[in-house]
Amino acid sequence: MENSKTILVTGGCGFIGANFIHMANRVRPDWRVVNLDKLTYAGNLKNLEGIQQGENYRFVKGDICDAALVARLFMEENIHTVVHFAAESHVDRSISGPADFIQTNIVGTFNLLEASRSCWFGQDKTIELPLFLHVSTDEVYGSLGETGYFSETTSYDPRSPYSASKASSDHLASAYFHTYDLPVIITNCSNNYGPYQFPEKLIPLIFHNSMIGRELPVYGDGKNVRDWLYVTDHCEALVAIIELGKPGKSYNIGGNNEKQNIEVVQLICDTLDEKIGPLEGGLPRRSLIRYVTDRLGHDRRYAIDASLIKENIGWQPSVSFETGIKQTIDWYLSHQEWIGSIIDGSYQEYYRKMYGT
């Protein structure tokens, strides 16, 4: 694929989207990025400090559920590629309030697919080699037992309103490829971690609580297993897929780093004790761990078989979990003002509701 293009990044002020824009700015400076973000609680303009409005970047505050806005952006910017991150993504929130997940993740994706189809195929001159990259999750596959891996041919079996909404959007994207020949690629990634992650997710939540001496809530017995993917590894995979991926294909993106949740929590505690010392009174941070009632419908294990992307695209993860978690903790330690700036009253209210502290 040619390098020069205009890319619409949805949700570019969120965790993965912001990291993707930073990477694109570094490694593909000839790409023009149009960032459409609603700036919900998890979207933060501070995530893109250093990225300046100009010839190669434009930020637009807006909602992917606003069909007129989406269509106008496609026409104004002559969008060549869509990298679709925008989504409601926190499982706990989907359990307590699923409506936003249905609207954003399904209806919003539909609006983007329709705008792509209209713009790319509805003009006298068809845009050369367009691409709709739909970024999804391994949670659409359901839960694994103690063995086995999710592959691109694994049947979908979503268990939460979040994963069901993402599975629906995956099916919509796939249907637009098969029905309309829209050049769609779907990626299903494992749990991301790294800089700029909003502190409702496990790793930044445990870091923040550990820093202030607050209890560390661990669901159930703590032995739920996730495959952890460092966010820059994920972004490198997406850049490679944009350039080398085949429309109509799905690619699983995994980190080859299976860890029990309790192992992750303990590693963060031990790393902070080593880097900045124990808690007041010499207590180790592991003393803050508290097991809480398990999440409703909590999937036991996720694990990704990422052999297809390695074979077809040449990508594989390069960051081990032990290295990645230390880099992540170092980033948070040097950006504590970033955490403080986003934990506002609305988040504290949600935090208290979910964890009772």
Protein backbone atom coordinates (compact mmCIF):
# COMPACT_ATOMS: atom_id res chain seq x y z
CA MET A 1 0.00 0.00 0.00
CA GLU A 2 1.16 3.52 -0.67
CA ASN A 3 2.32 5.46 2.38
CA SER A 4 0.75 8.87 1.68
CA LYS A 5 -2.84 8.84 2.93
CA THR A 6 -5.35 10.52 5.21
CA ILE A 7 -6.34 8.34 8.15
CA LEU A 8 -9.41 8.81 10.29
CA VAL A 9 -8.59 7.59 13.80
CA THR A 10 -11.67 7.25 15.99
CA GLY A 11 -11.13 7.45 19.73
CA GLY A 12 -7.66 8.87 19.26
CA CYS A 13 -7.65 10.54 22.68
CA GLY A 14 -8.13 7.22 24.43
CA PHE A 15 -5.45 4.84 25.62
CA ILE A 16 -4.64 2.76 22.54
CA GLY A 17 -5.71 5.42 20.05
CA ALA A 18 -3.37 8.02 21.54
CA ASN A 19 -0.46 5.60 21.52
CA PHE A 20 -1.23 4.79 17.89
CA ILE A 21 -1.22 8.48 16.91
CA HIS A 22 2.10 9.03 18.68
CA MET A 23 3.57 6.06 16.82
CA ALA A 24 2.17 7.14 13.45
CA ASN A 25 3.63 10.59 14.02
CA ARG A 26 7.05 9.01 14.61
CA VAL A 27 7.20 6.28 11.99
CA ARG A 28 4.82 7.52 9.24
CA PRO A 29 5.13 11.32 9.29
CA ASP A 30 3.67 11.53 5.77
CA TRP A 31 0.30 10.21 7.01
CA ARG A 32 -2.30 12.87 7.78
CA VAL A 33 -4.25 11.84 10.87
CA VAL A 34 -7.76 13.12 11.57
CA ASN A 35 -8.63 12.29 15.18
CA LEU A 36 -12.37 12.07 15.95
CA ASP A 37 -13.02 11.72 19.67
CA LYS A 38 -16.06 12.47 21.82
CA LEU A 39 -13.86 13.14 24.88
CA THR A 40 -15.86 10.98 27.25
CA TYR A 41 -14.44 10.25 30.70
CA ALA A 42 -11.69 8.03 29.19
CA GLY A 43 -10.67 10.45 26.42
CA ASN A 44 -8.02 12.98 27.35
CA LEU A 45 -6.36 15.62 25.22
CA LYS A 46 -3.34 15.44 27.54
CA ASN A 47 -2.66 12.03 26.01
CA LEU A 48 -1.62 13.80 22.80
CA GLU A 49 0.60 16.54 24.17
CA GLY A 50 3.28 17.25 21.58
CA ILE A 51 1.01 16.46 18.62
CA GLN A 52 0.23 19.78 16.98
CA GLN A 53 -2.71 20.73 14.80
CA GLY A 54 -1.45 21.34 11.31
CA GLU A 55 -0.79 19.78 7.95
CA ASN A 56 -0.46 16.24 9.31
CA TYR A 57 -2.92 16.31 12.22
CA ARG A 58 -6.43 17.53 12.93
CA PHE A 59 -8.47 16.96 16.08
CA VAL A 60 -12.27 16.98 15.83
CA LYS A 61 -14.41 16.70 18.95
CA GLY A 62 -17.40 14.61 17.99
CA ASP A 63 -19.36 11.42 18.35
CA ILE A 64 -19.22 8.48 15.93
CA CYS A 65 -22.96 8.14 16.57
CA ASP A 66 -23.44 11.51 14.80
CA ALA A 67 -23.90 10.17 11.27
CA ALA A 68 -23.98 13.63 9.66
CA LEU A 69 -20.69 14.64 11.27
CA VAL A 70 -19.01 11.38 10.26
CA ALA A 71 -20.19 11.71 6.65
CA ARG A 72 -19.03 15.34 6.50
CA LEU A 73 -15.56 14.43 7.76
CA PHE A 74 -15.16 11.78 5.08
CA MET A 75 -15.98 14.32 2.38
CA GLU A 76 -13.94 17.19 3.85
CA GLU A 77 -10.82 15.14 4.42
CA ASN A 78 -11.06 12.62 1.58
CA ILE A 79 -10.53 9.86 4.13
CA HIS A 80 -8.41 7.03 2.75
CA THR A 81 -8.15 4.72 5.80
CA VAL A 82 -10.19 4.28 8.97
CA VAL A 83 -8.57 2.99 12.16
CA HIS A 84 -11.54 2.44 14.43
CA PHE A 85 -10.70 2.41 18.15
CA ALA A 86 -13.65 4.38 19.55
CA ALA A 87 -15.64 2.20 21.92
CA GLU A 88 -17.04 1.88 25.38
CA SER A 89 -14.65 -0.75 26.73
CA HIS A 90 -14.90 -1.32 30.48
CA VAL A 91 -16.69 -4.57 31.32
CA ASP A 92 -17.84 -3.40 34.76
CA ARG A 93 -19.50 -0.35 33.24
CA SER A 94 -21.23 -2.52 30.63
CA ILE A 95 -22.74 -4.62 33.40
CA SER A 96 -24.12 -1.65 35.31
CA GLY A 97 -25.12 0.37 32.22
CA PRO A 98 -25.16 -1.50 28.89
CA ALA A 99 -27.07 1.07 26.82
CA ASP A 100 -24.04 3.25 26.02
CA PHE A 101 -22.17 0.16 24.81
CA ILE A 102 -24.92 -0.76 22.37
CA GLN A 103 -25.14 2.78 21.03
CA THR A 104 -21.43 3.53 20.66
CA ASN A 105 -20.03 0.13 19.78
CA ILE A 106 -22.77 -1.02 17.40
CA VAL A 107 -24.55 2.07 16.06
CA GLY A 108 -21.33 4.10 15.94
CA THR A 109 -19.55 1.38 13.98
CA PHE A 110 -22.51 1.17 11.59
CA ASN A 111 -22.27 4.93 10.93
CA LEU A 112 -18.56 4.62 10.10
CA LEU A 113 -19.13 1.66 7.78
CA GLU A 114 -21.92 3.51 5.96
CA ALA A 115 -19.83 6.66 5.58
CA SER A 116 -16.92 4.59 4.25
CA ARG A 117 -19.14 2.84 1.73
CA SER A 118 -20.73 6.09 0.58
CA CYS A 119 -17.44 7.97 0.26
CA TRP A 120 -15.30 5.24 -1.26
CA PHE A 121 -17.84 3.76 -3.66
CA GLY A 122 -20.35 6.55 -4.08
CA GLN A 123 -18.25 8.97 -6.12
CA ASP A 124 -17.26 9.07 -9.77
CA LYS A 125 -13.66 8.38 -8.76
CA THR A 126 -13.17 5.50 -6.33
CA ILE A 127 -10.44 6.05 -3.74
CA GLU A 128 -7.50 3.79 -4.49
CA LEU A 129 -6.84 1.01 -1.96
CA PRO A 130 -8.97 2.28 0.94
CA LEU A 131 -9.05 0.34 4.19
CA PHE A 132 -11.38 0.06 7.18
CA LEU A 133 -9.39 -1.35 10.11
CA HIS A 134 -11.77 -2.40 12.87
CA VAL A 135 -9.94 -2.81 16.18
CA SER A 136 -11.66 -5.33 18.44
CA THR A 137 -10.98 -7.60 21.40
CA ASP A 138 -10.35 -11.25 22.24
CA GLU A 139 -13.29 -11.07 24.63
CA VAL A 140 -15.66 -11.78 21.73
CA TYR A 141 -14.49 -15.41 21.84
CA GLY A 142 -15.76 -16.06 25.36
CA SER A 143 -13.79 -18.03 27.93
CA LEU A 144 -11.12 -20.74 27.66
CA GLY A 145 -10.39 -23.63 29.97
CA GLU A 146 -6.93 -24.33 31.29
CA THR A 147 -5.61 -25.18 27.82
CA GLY A 148 -6.07 -24.00 24.26
CA TYR A 149 -5.92 -20.66 22.46
CA PHE A 150 -8.19 -18.32 20.56
CA SER A 151 -7.51 -18.36 16.82
CA GLU A 152 -9.09 -16.43 13.96
CA THR A 153 -11.45 -19.38 13.39
CA THR A 154 -12.65 -19.64 17.02
CA SER A 155 -16.42 -19.30 17.26
CA TYR A 156 -17.72 -16.16 18.91
CA ASP A 157 -19.20 -16.64 22.40
CA PRO A 158 -19.37 -13.24 24.15
CA ARG A 159 -20.30 -13.29 27.84
CA SER A 160 -20.74 -9.62 28.85
CA PRO A 161 -22.68 -6.70 27.36
CA TYR A 162 -19.31 -5.21 26.39
CA SER A 163 -18.06 -8.26 24.52
CA ALA A 164 -21.48 -8.82 22.95
CA SER A 165 -21.47 -5.26 21.59
CA LYS A 166 -17.96 -5.73 20.19
CA ALA A 167 -18.94 -9.08 18.65
CA SER A 168 -21.89 -7.34 17.00
CA SER A 169 -19.66 -4.65 15.54
CA ASP A 170 -17.21 -7.31 14.29
CA HIS A 171 -20.06 -9.08 12.51
CA LEU A 172 -21.26 -5.81 10.98
CA ALA A 173 -17.77 -5.03 9.68
CA SER A 174 -17.41 -8.54 8.25
CA ALA A 175 -20.85 -8.30 6.61
CA TYR A 176 -19.87 -5.06 4.88
CA PHE A 177 -16.87 -6.83 3.37
CA HIS A 178 -18.90 -9.79 2.13
CA THR A 179 -21.96 -7.80 1.02
CA TYR A 180 -20.48 -4.57 -0.33
CA ASP A 181 -16.82 -5.50 -0.91
CA LEU A 182 -15.86 -2.83 1.61
CA PRO A 183 -12.14 -3.40 2.32
CA VAL A 184 -12.41 -4.36 5.99
CA ILE A 185 -9.79 -5.92 8.25
CA ILE A 186 -10.70 -6.96 11.81
CA THR A 187 -8.14 -7.29 14.60
CA ASN A 188 -8.82 -8.97 17.92
CA CYS A 189 -6.24 -8.11 20.55
CA SER A 190 -5.50 -9.32 24.06
CA ASN A 191 -5.34 -7.08 27.16
CA ASN A 192 -3.30 -3.95 26.48
CA TYR A 193 -1.25 -2.08 29.07
CA GLY A 194 1.20 0.82 29.04
CA PRO A 195 1.25 4.63 29.12
CA TYR A 196 -1.97 6.68 29.15
CA GLN A 197 -4.30 3.88 30.29
CA PHE A 198 -7.28 5.21 32.22
CA PRO A 199 -7.13 4.14 35.90
CA GLU A 200 -10.25 2.02 35.94
CA LYS A 201 -8.35 -0.85 34.27
CA LEU A 202 -6.40 -3.31 36.38
CA ILE A 203 -2.78 -2.17 36.03
CA PRO A 204 -3.20 1.62 36.44
CA LEU A 205 -5.82 1.04 39.14
CA ILE A 206 -3.46 -1.14 41.17
CA PHE A 207 -0.60 1.32 40.62
CA HIS A 208 -2.66 4.28 41.81
CA ASN A 209 -4.06 2.49 44.85
CA SER A 210 -0.61 1.17 45.76
CA MET A 211 0.83 4.68 45.66
CA ILE A 212 -1.71 6.11 48.10
CA GLY A 213 -2.06 3.08 50.38
CA ARG A 214 -5.60 2.21 49.31
CA GLU A 215 -6.84 -1.38 49.27
CA LEU A 216 -6.17 -3.39 46.10
CA PRO A 217 -9.41 -5.10 45.01
CA VAL A 218 -8.93 -8.48 43.30
CA TYR A 219 -11.97 -10.25 41.87
CA GLY A 220 -12.76 -13.79 43.05
CA ASP A 221 -9.73 -15.95 43.72
CA GLY A 222 -7.50 -13.79 41.51
CA LYS A 223 -6.66 -16.68 39.22
CA ASN A 224 -8.42 -15.42 36.09
CA VAL A 225 -5.84 -15.47 33.29
CA ARG A 226 -5.26 -12.81 30.65
CA ASP A 227 -2.72 -12.50 27.85
CA TRP A 228 -0.98 -9.12 28.26
CA LEU A 229 0.09 -7.04 25.25
CA TYR A 230 2.27 -3.94 25.60
CA VAL A 231 0.50 -1.11 23.81
CA THR A 232 3.42 -0.13 21.56
CA ASP A 233 3.65 -3.73 20.36
CA HIS A 234 -0.04 -3.52 19.50
CA CYS A 235 0.39 -0.23 17.64
CA GLU A 236 3.33 -1.62 15.65
CA ALA A 237 1.11 -4.53 14.62
CA LEU A 238 -1.63 -2.16 13.46
CA VAL A 239 0.78 -0.11 11.35
CA ALA A 240 2.04 -3.33 9.76
CA ILE A 241 -1.52 -4.49 9.05
CA ILE A 242 -2.41 -1.17 7.41
CA GLU A 243 0.51 -1.63 5.05
CA LEU A 244 0.49 -5.40 4.52
CA GLY A 245 -2.87 -6.77 5.67
CA LYS A 246 -5.39 -8.38 3.34
CA PRO A 247 -8.99 -7.08 3.30
CA GLY A 248 -11.48 -9.66 4.45
CA LYS A 249 -9.03 -11.17 6.92
CA SER A 250 -9.04 -11.14 10.70
CA TYR A 251 -5.81 -11.05 12.68
CA ASN A 252 -5.39 -11.95 16.33
CA ILE A 253 -2.82 -9.78 18.12
CA GLY A 254 -1.46 -11.24 21.34
CA GLY A 255 1.45 -10.65 23.67
CA ASN A 256 2.41 -14.25 24.50
CA ASN A 257 2.26 -13.20 28.16
CA GLU A 258 -0.35 -15.18 30.09
CA LYS A 259 -0.64 -14.08 33.70
CA GLN A 260 -3.12 -14.63 36.51
CA ASN A 261 -4.62 -11.38 37.78
CA ILE A 262 -3.13 -11.96 41.21
CA GLU A 263 0.32 -12.39 39.64
CA VAL A 264 -0.04 -9.01 37.95
CA VAL A 265 -1.10 -7.33 41.19
CA GLN A 266 1.74 -8.90 43.15
CA LEU A 267 4.32 -7.91 40.52
CA ILE A 268 3.18 -4.28 40.64
CA CYS A 269 3.37 -4.31 44.44
CA ASP A 270 6.84 -5.84 44.48
CA THR A 271 8.15 -3.53 41.74
CA LEU A 272 6.95 -0.43 43.58
CA ASP A 273 8.39 -1.67 46.88
CA GLU A 274 11.71 -2.12 45.10
CA LYS A 275 11.65 1.22 43.29
CA ILE A 276 10.30 3.59 45.95
CA GLY A 277 10.32 1.58 49.17
CA PRO A 278 7.52 -0.08 51.18
CA LEU A 279 4.51 1.59 52.74
CA GLU A 280 4.65 3.63 55.92
CA GLY A 281 5.69 1.38 58.77
CA GLY A 282 7.63 -0.87 56.43
CA LEU A 283 4.58 -2.81 55.26
CA PRO A 284 4.86 -4.41 51.80
CA ARG A 285 2.24 -3.34 49.30
CA ARG A 286 0.99 -6.91 49.04
CA SER A 287 -0.61 -6.26 52.45
CA LEU A 288 -3.15 -4.03 50.66
CA ILE A 289 -4.57 -6.89 48.56
CA ARG A 290 -8.22 -7.66 49.28
CA TYR A 291 -10.26 -10.33 47.50
CA VAL A 292 -13.72 -9.03 46.53
CA THR A 293 -16.89 -10.61 45.15
CA ASP A 294 -16.25 -11.85 41.63
CA ARG A 295 -17.50 -9.92 38.60
CA LEU A 296 -20.75 -11.22 37.11
CA GLY A 297 -20.00 -13.56 34.20
CA HIS A 298 -16.25 -13.22 34.72
CA ASP A 299 -14.43 -15.13 31.96
CA ARG A 300 -11.80 -17.46 33.38
CA ARG A 301 -9.03 -17.39 30.79
CA TYR A 302 -8.10 -15.65 27.55
CA ALA A 303 -5.12 -16.68 25.45
CA ILE A 304 -4.27 -15.66 21.88
CA ASP A 305 -2.77 -17.70 19.08
CA ALA A 306 -0.98 -14.94 17.12
CA SER A 307 0.73 -17.24 14.62
CA LEU A 308 -1.29 -16.00 11.60
CA ILE A 309 -0.10 -12.40 11.87
CA LYS A 310 3.47 -13.62 12.34
CA GLU A 311 3.27 -15.80 9.24
CA ASN A 312 1.37 -13.38 6.99
CA ILE A 313 2.53 -9.96 8.19
CA GLY A 314 5.84 -10.72 9.89
CA TRP A 315 4.86 -9.18 13.22
CA GLN A 316 5.40 -10.65 16.67
CA PRO A 317 5.50 -9.02 20.11
CA SER A 318 8.88 -7.84 21.33
CA VAL A 319 8.17 -6.69 24.90
CA SER A 320 8.02 -9.27 27.70
CA PHE A 321 5.54 -8.66 30.50
CA GLU A 322 8.29 -8.22 33.07
CA THR A 323 9.95 -5.54 30.91
CA GLY A 324 6.68 -3.91 29.93
CA ILE A 325 5.35 -3.64 33.47
CA LYS A 326 8.57 -1.98 34.65
CA GLN A 327 8.40 0.49 31.75
CA THR A 328 4.75 1.16 32.55
CA ILE A 329 5.44 1.75 36.25
CA ASP A 330 8.35 4.05 35.38
CA TRP A 331 6.02 6.03 33.10
CA TYR A 332 3.36 6.36 35.78
CA LEU A 333 5.94 7.35 38.39
CA SER A 334 7.16 10.15 36.13
CA HIS A 335 3.62 11.20 35.14
CA GLN A 336 1.77 11.23 38.45
CA GLU A 337 0.34 14.64 37.59
CA TRP A 338 -1.33 12.98 34.59
CA ILE A 339 -3.14 10.53 36.85
CA GLY A 340 -4.13 13.32 39.22
CA SER A 341 -5.51 15.42 36.39
CA ILE A 342 -7.94 12.76 35.22
CA ILE A 343 -9.20 11.40 38.55
CA ASP A 344 -11.91 14.03 38.89
CA GLY A 345 -15.17 14.04 40.83
CA SER A 346 -17.12 11.96 38.32
CA TYR A 347 -14.52 9.23 38.32
CA GLN A 348 -14.26 9.26 42.13
CA GLU A 349 -18.05 8.77 42.30
CA TYR A 350 -17.81 5.81 39.97
CA TYR A 351 -14.80 4.47 41.85
CA ARG A 352 -16.62 4.61 45.19
CA LYS A 353 -19.68 2.92 43.69
CA MET A 354 -17.65 0.06 42.22
CA TYR A 355 -15.20 -0.53 45.06
CA GLY A 356 -16.89 0.96 48.11
CA THR A 357 -13.93 3.12 49.18
